[in-house]
């Protein structure tokens, strides 16, 4: 009886001794973030990925990274994998806006908070994600539209102004919103019309291919190209030059992202203007992950601040570009 009592007392003492140690260890365990990236379709996306990986390392966060290769089904699989692995927080940049309700409900049921980065989603229940951090794509389209209005008044004072548009990935938030914002502004001048519009899937190769088709049509003079990202614009520049035309001089070009390649194109006199879309979201994302894990209340939308860069400032700004 005495021996049994001693064993019980010993076990209790051991539990009391280990308890605080185990608690401290759990508190010190690094936060685990599961992140699903759209892919690697552009300079912007490459910079965005690098920012997220670097920031996770700097913040001491364990990052589980998955590349969706621009396929929604791959992202859904990645998110379900993160749920199965019981990560602390899930973040992702959605390929398209719709089709997320089921998997995000699974994450919510597993009590894993979700953060959206760069691109938004269209869900029936907004509580399926905690917050969204990224650019205002509609406003980016508006900025491009304002530049075009001003350009048209100065450059084509009379007659119609024909625009061809290279859209981003069909169904994606930036493609939908950049088109919406642009059209909202240019309707102020009835002379300005989008005569052709097709997806270039945010890639240089597809941008070039679609622009070649636009140029071959030849039923209407093309005054300006509006590209939803710089990579498609750079691909289109190649098509324009191969067709014996001069970008900027024969066809004005406005695009969005503000990547280094766009600044190089402006310095070379091949691009008129780029609207900035900052990809360096890593540090902010890591802080948000820590905040949401700590139970802090976050705003539903956090918008990054961005500018408009024209060719006349490109040479001055190029050395400052971080992406």
C-alpha atoms as a PDB file:
ATOM      1  CA  UNK A   1       0.000   0.000   0.000  1.00  0.00           C
ATOM      2  CA  UNK A   2       2.818   2.374   0.949  1.00  0.00           C
ATOM      3  CA  UNK A   3       4.691   1.465  -2.231  1.00  0.00           C
ATOM      4  CA  UNK A   4       1.622   2.158  -4.367  1.00  0.00           C
ATOM      5  CA  UNK A   5       1.110   5.523  -2.685  1.00  0.00           C
ATOM      6  CA  UNK A   6       4.754   6.458  -3.300  1.00  0.00           C
ATOM      7  CA  UNK A   7       4.345   5.586  -6.986  1.00  0.00           C
ATOM      8  CA  UNK A   8       1.252   7.797  -7.238  1.00  0.00           C
ATOM      9  CA  UNK A   9       3.002  10.688  -5.515  1.00  0.00           C
ATOM     10  CA  UNK A  10       5.993  10.266  -7.825  1.00  0.00           C
ATOM     11  CA  UNK A  11       3.806  10.253 -10.928  1.00  0.00           C
ATOM     12  CA  UNK A  12       1.988  13.369  -9.733  1.00  0.00           C
ATOM     13  CA  UNK A  13       5.255  15.182  -9.087  1.00  0.00           C
ATOM     14  CA  UNK A  14       6.545  14.192 -12.535  1.00  0.00           C
ATOM     15  CA  UNK A  15       3.367  15.476 -14.184  1.00  0.00           C
ATOM     16  CA  UNK A  16       3.646  18.765 -12.305  1.00  0.00           C
ATOM     17  CA  UNK A  17       7.273  19.041 -13.367  1.00  0.00           C
ATOM     18  CA  UNK A  18       6.655  18.251 -17.039  1.00  0.00           C
ATOM     19  CA  UNK A  19       3.423  20.249 -17.356  1.00  0.00           C
ATOM     20  CA  UNK A  20       4.965  23.722 -17.564  1.00  0.00           C
ATOM     21  CA  UNK A  21       7.790  22.430 -19.779  1.00  0.00           C
ATOM     22  CA  UNK A  22       5.317  20.971 -22.265  1.00  0.00           C
ATOM     23  CA  UNK A  23       3.284  24.185 -22.232  1.00  0.00           C
ATOM     24  CA  UNK A  24       6.335  26.328 -22.902  1.00  0.00           C
ATOM     25  CA  UNK A  25       7.379  24.004 -25.724  1.00  0.00           C
ATOM     26  CA  UNK A  26       3.933  24.267 -27.332  1.00  0.00           C
ATOM     27  CA  UNK A  27       3.990  28.041 -27.038  1.00  0.00           C
ATOM     28  CA  UNK A  28       7.445  28.187 -28.604  1.00  0.00           C
ATOM     29  CA  UNK A  29       6.540  25.906 -31.531  1.00  0.00           C
ATOM     30  CA  UNK A  30       6.754  27.837 -34.824  1.00  0.00           C
ATOM     31  CA  UNK A  31       3.517  28.865 -36.500  1.00  0.00           C
ATOM     32  CA  UNK A  32       2.779  26.641 -39.515  1.00  0.00           C
ATOM     33  CA  UNK A  33       1.387  28.401 -42.585  1.00  0.00           C
ATOM     34  CA  UNK A  34       0.066  26.505 -45.586  1.00  0.00           C
ATOM     35  CA  UNK A  35       0.241  28.634 -48.744  1.00  0.00           C
ATOM     36  CA  UNK A  36      -1.133  27.756 -52.185  1.00  0.00           C
ATOM     37  CA  UNK A  37       0.263  29.905 -54.994  1.00  0.00           C
ATOM     38  CA  UNK A  38      -1.417  30.386 -58.383  1.00  0.00           C
ATOM     39  CA  UNK A  39       1.704  29.368 -60.301  1.00  0.00           C
ATOM     40  CA  UNK A  40       4.739  31.005 -61.873  1.00  0.00           C
ATOM     41  CA  UNK A  41       3.136  32.588 -64.933  1.00  0.00           C
ATOM     42  CA  UNK A  42       4.782  36.011 -64.748  1.00  0.00           C
ATOM     43  CA  UNK A  43       7.562  38.164 -63.321  1.00  0.00           C
ATOM     44  CA  UNK A  44       5.022  39.465 -60.817  1.00  0.00           C
ATOM     45  CA  UNK A  45       4.162  35.989 -59.544  1.00  0.00           C
ATOM     46  CA  UNK A  46       7.818  35.009 -59.238  1.00  0.00           C
ATOM     47  CA  UNK A  47       8.479  38.111 -57.127  1.00  0.00           C
ATOM     48  CA  UNK A  48       5.387  37.425 -55.026  1.00  0.00           C
ATOM     49  CA  UNK A  49       6.523  33.866 -54.280  1.00  0.00           C
ATOM     50  CA  UNK A  50      10.040  34.994 -53.375  1.00  0.00           C
ATOM     51  CA  UNK A  51       8.631  37.637 -51.017  1.00  0.00           C
ATOM     52  CA  UNK A  52       6.444  35.084 -49.222  1.00  0.00           C
ATOM     53  CA  UNK A  53       9.225  32.510 -48.833  1.00  0.00           C
ATOM     54  CA  UNK A  54      11.770  35.077 -47.627  1.00  0.00           C
ATOM     55  CA  UNK A  55       9.338  36.674 -45.193  1.00  0.00           C
ATOM     56  CA  UNK A  56       8.378  33.302 -43.693  1.00  0.00           C
ATOM     57  CA  UNK A  57      12.033  32.511 -43.046  1.00  0.00           C
ATOM     58  CA  UNK A  58      12.621  35.946 -41.495  1.00  0.00           C
ATOM     59  CA  UNK A  59       9.536  35.600 -39.277  1.00  0.00           C
ATOM     60  CA  UNK A  60      10.430  32.102 -38.083  1.00  0.00           C
ATOM     61  CA  UNK A  61       7.253  30.678 -39.623  1.00  0.00           C
ATOM     62  CA  UNK A  62       7.180  27.146 -41.023  1.00  0.00           C
ATOM     63  CA  UNK A  63       5.895  27.499 -44.585  1.00  0.00           C
ATOM     64  CA  UNK A  64       4.243  24.650 -46.465  1.00  0.00           C
ATOM     65  CA  UNK A  65       4.199  25.891 -50.058  1.00  0.00           C
ATOM     66  CA  UNK A  66       2.189  24.477 -52.990  1.00  0.00           C
ATOM     67  CA  UNK A  67       2.299  25.644 -56.632  1.00  0.00           C
ATOM     68  CA  UNK A  68      -1.112  25.198 -58.309  1.00  0.00           C
ATOM     69  CA  UNK A  69       0.247  25.620 -61.854  1.00  0.00           C
ATOM     70  CA  UNK A  70      -2.767  27.843 -62.619  1.00  0.00           C
ATOM     71  CA  UNK A  71      -5.286  25.056 -61.951  1.00  0.00           C
ATOM     72  CA  UNK A  72      -8.068  25.434 -59.404  1.00  0.00           C
ATOM     73  CA  UNK A  73      -8.262  21.701 -58.762  1.00  0.00           C
ATOM     74  CA  UNK A  74      -4.627  21.739 -57.648  1.00  0.00           C
ATOM     75  CA  UNK A  75      -5.377  24.507 -55.169  1.00  0.00           C
ATOM     76  CA  UNK A  76      -8.352  22.649 -53.745  1.00  0.00           C
ATOM     77  CA  UNK A  77      -6.153  19.568 -53.241  1.00  0.00           C
ATOM     78  CA  UNK A  78      -3.461  21.703 -51.584  1.00  0.00           C
ATOM     79  CA  UNK A  79      -5.934  23.311 -49.174  1.00  0.00           C
ATOM     80  CA  UNK A  80      -7.339  19.891 -48.231  1.00  0.00           C
ATOM     81  CA  UNK A  81      -3.791  18.677 -47.670  1.00  0.00           C
ATOM     82  CA  UNK A  82      -3.129  21.652 -45.369  1.00  0.00           C
ATOM     83  CA  UNK A  83      -6.308  20.819 -43.446  1.00  0.00           C
ATOM     84  CA  UNK A  84      -5.202  17.183 -43.069  1.00  0.00           C
ATOM     85  CA  UNK A  85      -1.797  18.357 -41.835  1.00  0.00           C
ATOM     86  CA  UNK A  86      -3.532  20.613 -39.272  1.00  0.00           C
ATOM     87  CA  UNK A  87      -1.578  23.744 -40.158  1.00  0.00           C
ATOM     88  CA  UNK A  88      -2.226  26.832 -38.025  1.00  0.00           C
ATOM     89  CA  UNK A  89      -3.232  29.167 -40.868  1.00  0.00           C
ATOM     90  CA  UNK A  90      -4.028  28.701 -44.570  1.00  0.00           C
ATOM     91  CA  UNK A  91      -3.350  31.430 -47.138  1.00  0.00           C
ATOM     92  CA  UNK A  92      -3.786  31.302 -50.898  1.00  0.00           C
ATOM     93  CA  UNK A  93      -4.000  33.390 -54.035  1.00  0.00           C
ATOM     94  CA  UNK A  94      -7.010  31.930 -55.865  1.00  0.00           C
ATOM     95  CA  UNK A  95      -6.729  31.038 -59.546  1.00  0.00           C
ATOM     96  CA  UNK A  96     -10.355  32.107 -60.144  1.00  0.00           C
ATOM     97  CA  UNK A  97     -13.024  33.839 -58.052  1.00  0.00           C
ATOM     98  CA  UNK A  98     -15.736  31.184 -57.794  1.00  0.00           C
ATOM     99  CA  UNK A  99     -15.958  27.561 -56.665  1.00  0.00           C
ATOM    100  CA  UNK A 100     -14.398  27.856 -53.191  1.00  0.00           C
ATOM    101  CA  UNK A 101     -17.341  27.475 -50.797  1.00  0.00           C
ATOM    102  CA  UNK A 102     -16.978  23.737 -50.134  1.00  0.00           C
ATOM    103  CA  UNK A 103     -13.256  23.586 -49.411  1.00  0.00           C
ATOM    104  CA  UNK A 104     -13.250  26.809 -47.396  1.00  0.00           C
ATOM    105  CA  UNK A 105     -16.123  25.453 -45.292  1.00  0.00           C
ATOM    106  CA  UNK A 106     -13.976  22.389 -44.634  1.00  0.00           C
ATOM    107  CA  UNK A 107     -11.193  24.670 -43.379  1.00  0.00           C
ATOM    108  CA  UNK A 108     -13.643  26.584 -41.187  1.00  0.00           C
ATOM    109  CA  UNK A 109     -15.033  23.343 -39.720  1.00  0.00           C
ATOM    110  CA  UNK A 110     -11.440  22.347 -38.933  1.00  0.00           C
ATOM    111  CA  UNK A 111     -11.045  25.723 -37.169  1.00  0.00           C
ATOM    112  CA  UNK A 112      -8.192  26.770 -39.463  1.00  0.00           C
ATOM    113  CA  UNK A 113      -8.377  30.480 -40.404  1.00  0.00           C
ATOM    114  CA  UNK A 114      -7.943  31.409 -44.081  1.00  0.00           C
ATOM    115  CA  UNK A 115      -6.265  34.522 -45.483  1.00  0.00           C
ATOM    116  CA  UNK A 116      -6.670  35.559 -49.131  1.00  0.00           C
ATOM    117  CA  UNK A 117      -3.698  37.191 -50.826  1.00  0.00           C
ATOM    118  CA  UNK A 118      -3.575  39.158 -54.078  1.00  0.00           C
ATOM    119  CA  UNK A 119      -6.894  37.827 -55.429  1.00  0.00           C
ATOM    120  CA  UNK A 120     -10.376  37.759 -53.903  1.00  0.00           C
ATOM    121  CA  UNK A 121     -13.049  35.060 -53.990  1.00  0.00           C
ATOM    122  CA  UNK A 122     -16.797  35.090 -54.517  1.00  0.00           C
ATOM    123  CA  UNK A 123     -18.365  33.015 -51.717  1.00  0.00           C
ATOM    124  CA  UNK A 124     -21.854  32.819 -50.238  1.00  0.00           C
ATOM    125  CA  UNK A 125     -20.503  33.158 -46.683  1.00  0.00           C
ATOM    126  CA  UNK A 126     -17.853  35.875 -46.150  1.00  0.00           C
ATOM    127  CA  UNK A 127     -16.906  34.318 -42.798  1.00  0.00           C
ATOM    128  CA  UNK A 128     -15.200  31.486 -44.708  1.00  0.00           C
ATOM    129  CA  UNK A 129     -12.086  33.672 -44.829  1.00  0.00           C
ATOM    130  CA  UNK A 130     -10.685  36.081 -42.249  1.00  0.00           C
ATOM    131  CA  UNK A 131      -9.190  38.824 -44.387  1.00  0.00           C
ATOM    132  CA  UNK A 132      -7.950  39.703 -47.862  1.00  0.00           C
ATOM    133  CA  UNK A 133      -4.689  41.514 -48.540  1.00  0.00           C
ATOM    134  CA  UNK A 134      -3.871  42.797 -51.981  1.00  0.00           C
ATOM    135  CA  UNK A 135      -4.407  45.418 -54.621  1.00  0.00           C
ATOM    136  CA  UNK A 136      -7.613  47.115 -55.694  1.00  0.00           C
ATOM    137  CA  UNK A 137      -7.829  45.657 -59.201  1.00  0.00           C
ATOM    138  CA  UNK A 138     -10.819  47.801 -60.171  1.00  0.00           C
ATOM    139  CA  UNK A 139      -8.871  50.928 -59.261  1.00  0.00           C
ATOM    140  CA  UNK A 140      -5.891  49.667 -61.290  1.00  0.00           C
ATOM    141  CA  UNK A 141      -8.208  49.427 -64.302  1.00  0.00           C
ATOM    142  CA  UNK A 142      -9.485  52.930 -63.577  1.00  0.00           C
ATOM    143  CA  UNK A 143      -5.927  54.293 -63.442  1.00  0.00           C
ATOM    144  CA  UNK A 144      -5.213  52.742 -66.834  1.00  0.00           C
ATOM    145  CA  UNK A 145      -8.462  54.187 -68.178  1.00  0.00           C
ATOM    146  CA  UNK A 146      -7.662  57.693 -66.903  1.00  0.00           C
ATOM    147  CA  UNK A 147      -4.288  57.588 -68.622  1.00  0.00           C
ATOM    148  CA  UNK A 148      -5.954  56.485 -71.872  1.00  0.00           C
ATOM    149  CA  UNK A 149      -8.530  59.304 -71.700  1.00  0.00           C
ATOM    150  CA  UNK A 150      -5.756  61.873 -71.339  1.00  0.00           C
ATOM    151  CA  UNK A 151      -3.657  60.211 -74.054  1.00  0.00           C
ATOM    152  CA  UNK A 152      -6.587  60.091 -76.500  1.00  0.00           C
ATOM    153  CA  UNK A 153      -7.337  63.821 -76.078  1.00  0.00           C
ATOM    154  CA  UNK A 154      -3.731  64.749 -76.839  1.00  0.00           C
ATOM    155  CA  UNK A 155      -2.861  62.139 -79.471  1.00  0.00           C
ATOM    156  CA  UNK A 156      -6.121  61.394 -81.310  1.00  0.00           C
ATOM    157  CA  UNK A 157      -8.132  64.622 -80.944  1.00  0.00           C
ATOM    158  CA  UNK A 158     -10.644  63.618 -83.626  1.00  0.00           C
ATOM    159  CA  UNK A 159     -12.176  60.379 -84.859  1.00  0.00           C
ATOM    160  CA  UNK A 160     -12.489  56.962 -83.284  1.00  0.00           C
ATOM    161  CA  UNK A 161      -9.908  55.472 -80.933  1.00  0.00           C
ATOM    162  CA  UNK A 162      -9.667  51.697 -81.301  1.00  0.00           C
ATOM    163  CA  UNK A 163      -8.327  49.612 -78.428  1.00  0.00           C
ATOM    164  CA  UNK A 164      -7.427  45.937 -78.329  1.00  0.00           C
ATOM    165  CA  UNK A 165      -7.417  44.283 -74.907  1.00  0.00           C
ATOM    166  CA  UNK A 166      -5.351  41.394 -73.594  1.00  0.00           C
ATOM    167  CA  UNK A 167      -7.320  40.022 -70.661  1.00  0.00           C
ATOM    168  CA  UNK A 168      -5.890  37.947 -67.830  1.00  0.00           C
ATOM    169  CA  UNK A 169      -6.942  34.394 -66.935  1.00  0.00           C
ATOM    170  CA  UNK A 170     -10.658  33.900 -67.575  1.00  0.00           C
ATOM    171  CA  UNK A 171     -12.639  34.064 -64.340  1.00  0.00           C
ATOM    172  CA  UNK A 172      -9.780  35.458 -62.254  1.00  0.00           C
ATOM    173  CA  UNK A 173     -10.335  38.479 -60.006  1.00  0.00           C
ATOM    174  CA  UNK A 174      -7.719  40.701 -61.681  1.00  0.00           C
ATOM    175  CA  UNK A 175      -9.060  39.961 -65.165  1.00  0.00           C
ATOM    176  CA  UNK A 176     -12.650  40.714 -64.156  1.00  0.00           C
ATOM    177  CA  UNK A 177     -11.845  43.815 -62.115  1.00  0.00           C
ATOM    178  CA  UNK A 178      -9.191  45.376 -64.359  1.00  0.00           C
ATOM    179  CA  UNK A 179     -11.623  45.174 -67.276  1.00  0.00           C
ATOM    180  CA  UNK A 180     -14.464  46.589 -65.180  1.00  0.00           C
ATOM    181  CA  UNK A 181     -12.454  49.572 -63.901  1.00  0.00           C
ATOM    182  CA  UNK A 182     -11.019  50.370 -67.336  1.00  0.00           C
ATOM    183  CA  UNK A 183     -14.388  50.304 -69.091  1.00  0.00           C
ATOM    184  CA  UNK A 184     -15.952  52.402 -66.334  1.00  0.00           C
ATOM    185  CA  UNK A 185     -13.534  55.244 -67.120  1.00  0.00           C
ATOM    186  CA  UNK A 186     -13.189  55.134 -70.927  1.00  0.00           C
ATOM    187  CA  UNK A 187     -16.962  55.332 -71.459  1.00  0.00           C
ATOM    188  CA  UNK A 188     -16.586  59.055 -70.670  1.00  0.00           C
ATOM    189  CA  UNK A 189     -15.280  59.443 -74.247  1.00  0.00           C
ATOM    190  CA  UNK A 190     -17.635  57.735 -76.737  1.00  0.00           C
ATOM    191  CA  UNK A 191     -14.887  57.763 -79.387  1.00  0.00           C
ATOM    192  CA  UNK A 192     -12.906  55.193 -77.410  1.00  0.00           C
ATOM    193  CA  UNK A 193     -13.940  51.613 -78.099  1.00  0.00           C
ATOM    194  CA  UNK A 194     -12.506  48.176 -77.323  1.00  0.00           C
ATOM    195  CA  UNK A 195     -12.710  46.536 -80.748  1.00  0.00           C
ATOM    196  CA  UNK A 196     -11.149  43.216 -79.723  1.00  0.00           C
ATOM    197  CA  UNK A 197     -10.693  41.522 -76.369  1.00  0.00           C
ATOM    198  CA  UNK A 198      -9.260  38.093 -75.620  1.00  0.00           C
ATOM    199  CA  UNK A 199      -7.490  36.300 -72.762  1.00  0.00           C
ATOM    200  CA  UNK A 200      -3.711  36.050 -72.895  1.00  0.00           C
ATOM    201  CA  UNK A 201      -3.734  34.066 -69.622  1.00  0.00           C
ATOM    202  CA  UNK A 202      -1.248  36.499 -68.036  1.00  0.00           C
ATOM    203  CA  UNK A 203       1.695  34.937 -69.963  1.00  0.00           C
ATOM    204  CA  UNK A 204       4.150  36.401 -72.493  1.00  0.00           C
ATOM    205  CA  UNK A 205       3.721  33.531 -74.941  1.00  0.00           C
ATOM    206  CA  UNK A 206      -0.066  33.781 -75.000  1.00  0.00           C
ATOM    207  CA  UNK A 207       0.072  37.584 -75.082  1.00  0.00           C
ATOM    208  CA  UNK A 208       2.217  37.416 -78.195  1.00  0.00           C
ATOM    209  CA  UNK A 209      -0.016  34.800 -79.823  1.00  0.00           C
ATOM    210  CA  UNK A 210      -3.232  36.767 -79.257  1.00  0.00           C
ATOM    211  CA  UNK A 211      -1.664  40.049 -80.368  1.00  0.00           C
ATOM    212  CA  UNK A 212      -0.532  38.372 -83.602  1.00  0.00           C
ATOM    213  CA  UNK A 213      -4.163  37.415 -84.238  1.00  0.00           C
ATOM    214  CA  UNK A 214      -5.331  40.980 -83.501  1.00  0.00           C
ATOM    215  CA  UNK A 215      -2.803  42.387 -85.978  1.00  0.00           C
ATOM    216  CA  UNK A 216      -3.721  39.906 -88.715  1.00  0.00           C
ATOM    217  CA  UNK A 217      -7.393  40.949 -88.626  1.00  0.00           C
ATOM    218  CA  UNK A 218      -6.572  44.370 -90.208  1.00  0.00           C
ATOM    219  CA  UNK A 219     -10.247  45.404 -90.387  1.00  0.00           C
ATOM    220  CA  UNK A 220      -9.666  48.306 -87.995  1.00  0.00           C
ATOM    221  CA  UNK A 221      -6.639  50.418 -87.184  1.00  0.00           C
ATOM    222  CA  UNK A 222      -5.341  49.657 -83.714  1.00  0.00           C
ATOM    223  CA  UNK A 223      -4.486  52.823 -81.803  1.00  0.00           C
ATOM    224  CA  UNK A 224      -3.764  51.324 -78.385  1.00  0.00           C
ATOM    225  CA  UNK A 225      -3.223  48.042 -76.567  1.00  0.00           C
ATOM    226  CA  UNK A 226      -4.487  47.605 -73.007  1.00  0.00           C
ATOM    227  CA  UNK A 227      -2.859  44.579 -71.357  1.00  0.00           C
ATOM    228  CA  UNK A 228      -3.999  43.276 -67.967  1.00  0.00           C
ATOM    229  CA  UNK A 229      -0.374  42.587 -67.036  1.00  0.00           C
ATOM    230  CA  UNK A 230       3.141  43.520 -68.137  1.00  0.00           C
ATOM    231  CA  UNK A 231       4.129  40.029 -69.262  1.00  0.00           C
ATOM    232  CA  UNK A 232       1.342  39.904 -71.857  1.00  0.00           C
ATOM    233  CA  UNK A 233       2.301  43.420 -72.967  1.00  0.00           C
ATOM    234  CA  UNK A 234       5.944  42.363 -73.425  1.00  0.00           C
ATOM    235  CA  UNK A 235       4.810  39.380 -75.502  1.00  0.00           C
ATOM    236  CA  UNK A 236       2.583  41.690 -77.541  1.00  0.00           C
ATOM    237  CA  UNK A 237       5.495  44.079 -78.143  1.00  0.00           C
ATOM    238  CA  UNK A 238       7.355  41.212 -79.830  1.00  0.00           C
ATOM    239  CA  UNK A 239       4.333  40.563 -82.070  1.00  0.00           C
ATOM    240  CA  UNK A 240       4.037  44.253 -82.968  1.00  0.00           C
ATOM    241  CA  UNK A 241       7.714  44.488 -83.910  1.00  0.00           C
ATOM    242  CA  UNK A 242       7.603  41.268 -85.930  1.00  0.00           C
ATOM    243  CA  UNK A 243       4.667  42.740 -87.864  1.00  0.00           C
ATOM    244  CA  UNK A 244       6.922  45.650 -88.897  1.00  0.00           C
ATOM    245  CA  UNK A 245       5.290  48.179 -86.567  1.00  0.00           C
ATOM    246  CA  UNK A 246       6.766  50.281 -83.787  1.00  0.00           C
ATOM    247  CA  UNK A 247       5.326  49.989 -80.278  1.00  0.00           C
ATOM    248  CA  UNK A 248       4.440  53.362 -78.699  1.00  0.00           C
ATOM    249  CA  UNK A 249       4.757  55.156 -82.055  1.00  0.00           C
ATOM    250  CA  UNK A 250       2.322  53.034 -84.098  1.00  0.00           C
ATOM    251  CA  UNK A 251       0.427  51.425 -81.224  1.00  0.00           C
ATOM    252  CA  UNK A 252       0.401  52.909 -77.721  1.00  0.00           C
ATOM    253  CA  UNK A 253       0.630  50.367 -74.887  1.00  0.00           C
ATOM    254  CA  UNK A 254      -0.652  50.542 -71.318  1.00  0.00           C
ATOM    255  CA  UNK A 255      -0.265  47.620 -68.939  1.00  0.00           C
ATOM    256  CA  UNK A 256      -0.464  46.698 -65.270  1.00  0.00           C
ATOM    257  CA  UNK A 257       1.959  45.301 -62.649  1.00  0.00           C
ATOM    258  CA  UNK A 258       5.050  47.525 -62.676  1.00  0.00           C
ATOM    259  CA  UNK A 259       7.618  44.728 -62.989  1.00  0.00           C
ATOM    260  CA  UNK A 260      11.245  45.374 -63.926  1.00  0.00           C
ATOM    261  CA  UNK A 261      10.632  44.127 -67.476  1.00  0.00           C
ATOM    262  CA  UNK A 262       8.029  46.853 -67.983  1.00  0.00           C
ATOM    263  CA  UNK A 263      10.460  49.556 -66.848  1.00  0.00           C
ATOM    264  CA  UNK A 264      13.100  48.176 -69.202  1.00  0.00           C
ATOM    265  CA  UNK A 265      10.548  48.291 -72.041  1.00  0.00           C
ATOM    266  CA  UNK A 266       9.706  51.915 -71.202  1.00  0.00           C
ATOM    267  CA  UNK A 267      13.390  52.884 -71.130  1.00  0.00           C
ATOM    268  CA  UNK A 268      13.718  51.260 -74.575  1.00  0.00           C
ATOM    269  CA  UNK A 269      10.769  53.325 -75.831  1.00  0.00           C
ATOM    270  CA  UNK A 270       8.470  50.318 -76.293  1.00  0.00           C
ATOM    271  CA  UNK A 271       5.864  50.834 -73.542  1.00  0.00           C
ATOM    272  CA  UNK A 272       3.965  53.994 -72.594  1.00  0.00           C
ATOM    273  CA  UNK A 273       2.901  53.363 -69.014  1.00  0.00           C
ATOM    274  CA  UNK A 274       2.581  50.657 -66.358  1.00  0.00           C
ATOM    275  CA  UNK A 275       0.190  50.709 -63.410  1.00  0.00           C
ATOM    276  CA  UNK A 276       1.835  49.378 -60.259  1.00  0.00           C
ATOM    277  CA  UNK A 277       0.562  46.230 -58.521  1.00  0.00           C
ATOM    278  CA  UNK A 278       2.889  45.456 -55.616  1.00  0.00           C
ATOM    279  CA  UNK A 279       3.761  41.736 -55.277  1.00  0.00           C
ATOM    280  CA  UNK A 280       5.902  42.115 -52.147  1.00  0.00           C
ATOM    281  CA  UNK A 281       3.155  40.992 -49.781  1.00  0.00           C
ATOM    282  CA  UNK A 282       5.243  38.523 -47.769  1.00  0.00           C
ATOM    283  CA  UNK A 283       6.028  40.596 -44.646  1.00  0.00           C
ATOM    284  CA  UNK A 284       2.413  41.767 -44.295  1.00  0.00           C
ATOM    285  CA  UNK A 285       1.111  38.234 -44.801  1.00  0.00           C
ATOM    286  CA  UNK A 286       3.360  36.828 -42.068  1.00  0.00           C
ATOM    287  CA  UNK A 287       2.217  39.509 -39.628  1.00  0.00           C
ATOM    288  CA  UNK A 288      -1.410  38.802 -40.483  1.00  0.00           C
ATOM    289  CA  UNK A 289      -0.852  35.078 -39.906  1.00  0.00           C
ATOM    290  CA  UNK A 290       0.599  35.821 -36.467  1.00  0.00           C
ATOM    291  CA  UNK A 291      -2.234  38.228 -35.651  1.00  0.00           C
ATOM    292  CA  UNK A 292      -4.999  35.851 -36.664  1.00  0.00           C
ATOM    293  CA  UNK A 293      -3.392  33.012 -34.725  1.00  0.00           C
ATOM    294  CA  UNK A 294      -3.240  35.299 -31.683  1.00  0.00           C
ATOM    295  CA  UNK A 295      -6.980  35.925 -32.009  1.00  0.00           C
ATOM    296  CA  UNK A 296      -6.742  39.562 -33.071  1.00  0.00           C
ATOM    297  CA  UNK A 297      -9.607  41.130 -35.008  1.00  0.00           C
ATOM    298  CA  UNK A 298      -8.519  42.080 -38.532  1.00  0.00           C
ATOM    299  CA  UNK A 299     -10.122  44.313 -41.166  1.00  0.00           C
ATOM    300  CA  UNK A 300     -11.884  42.326 -43.890  1.00  0.00           C
ATOM    301  CA  UNK A 301      -9.831  43.993 -46.621  1.00  0.00           C
ATOM    302  CA  UNK A 302      -6.321  45.420 -46.551  1.00  0.00           C
ATOM    303  CA  UNK A 303      -5.348  47.333 -49.704  1.00  0.00           C
ATOM    304  CA  UNK A 304      -1.780  48.008 -50.767  1.00  0.00           C
ATOM    305  CA  UNK A 305      -0.712  51.488 -51.940  1.00  0.00           C
ATOM    306  CA  UNK A 306       0.516  51.737 -55.517  1.00  0.00           C
ATOM    307  CA  UNK A 307       1.409  54.275 -58.196  1.00  0.00           C
ATOM    308  CA  UNK A 308       1.393  54.958 -61.939  1.00  0.00           C
ATOM    309  CA  UNK A 309       4.700  55.030 -63.827  1.00  0.00           C
ATOM    310  CA  UNK A 310       5.055  56.609 -67.257  1.00  0.00           C
ATOM    311  CA  UNK A 311       7.934  56.269 -69.712  1.00  0.00           C
ATOM    312  CA  UNK A 312       9.407  59.659 -68.800  1.00  0.00           C
ATOM    313  CA  UNK A 313      10.253  58.482 -65.257  1.00  0.00           C
ATOM    314  CA  UNK A 314      11.263  54.909 -66.155  1.00  0.00           C
ATOM    315  CA  UNK A 315      15.039  55.467 -66.314  1.00  0.00           C
ATOM    316  CA  UNK A 316      14.989  57.184 -62.920  1.00  0.00           C
ATOM    317  CA  UNK A 317      12.802  54.511 -61.283  1.00  0.00           C
ATOM    318  CA  UNK A 318      14.339  51.373 -62.798  1.00  0.00           C
ATOM    319  CA  UNK A 319      17.307  51.107 -60.371  1.00  0.00           C
ATOM    320  CA  UNK A 320      14.847  51.292 -57.436  1.00  0.00           C
ATOM    321  CA  UNK A 321      12.690  48.378 -58.546  1.00  0.00           C
ATOM    322  CA  UNK A 322      12.792  45.368 -56.236  1.00  0.00           C
ATOM    323  CA  UNK A 323      10.954  43.071 -58.644  1.00  0.00           C
END
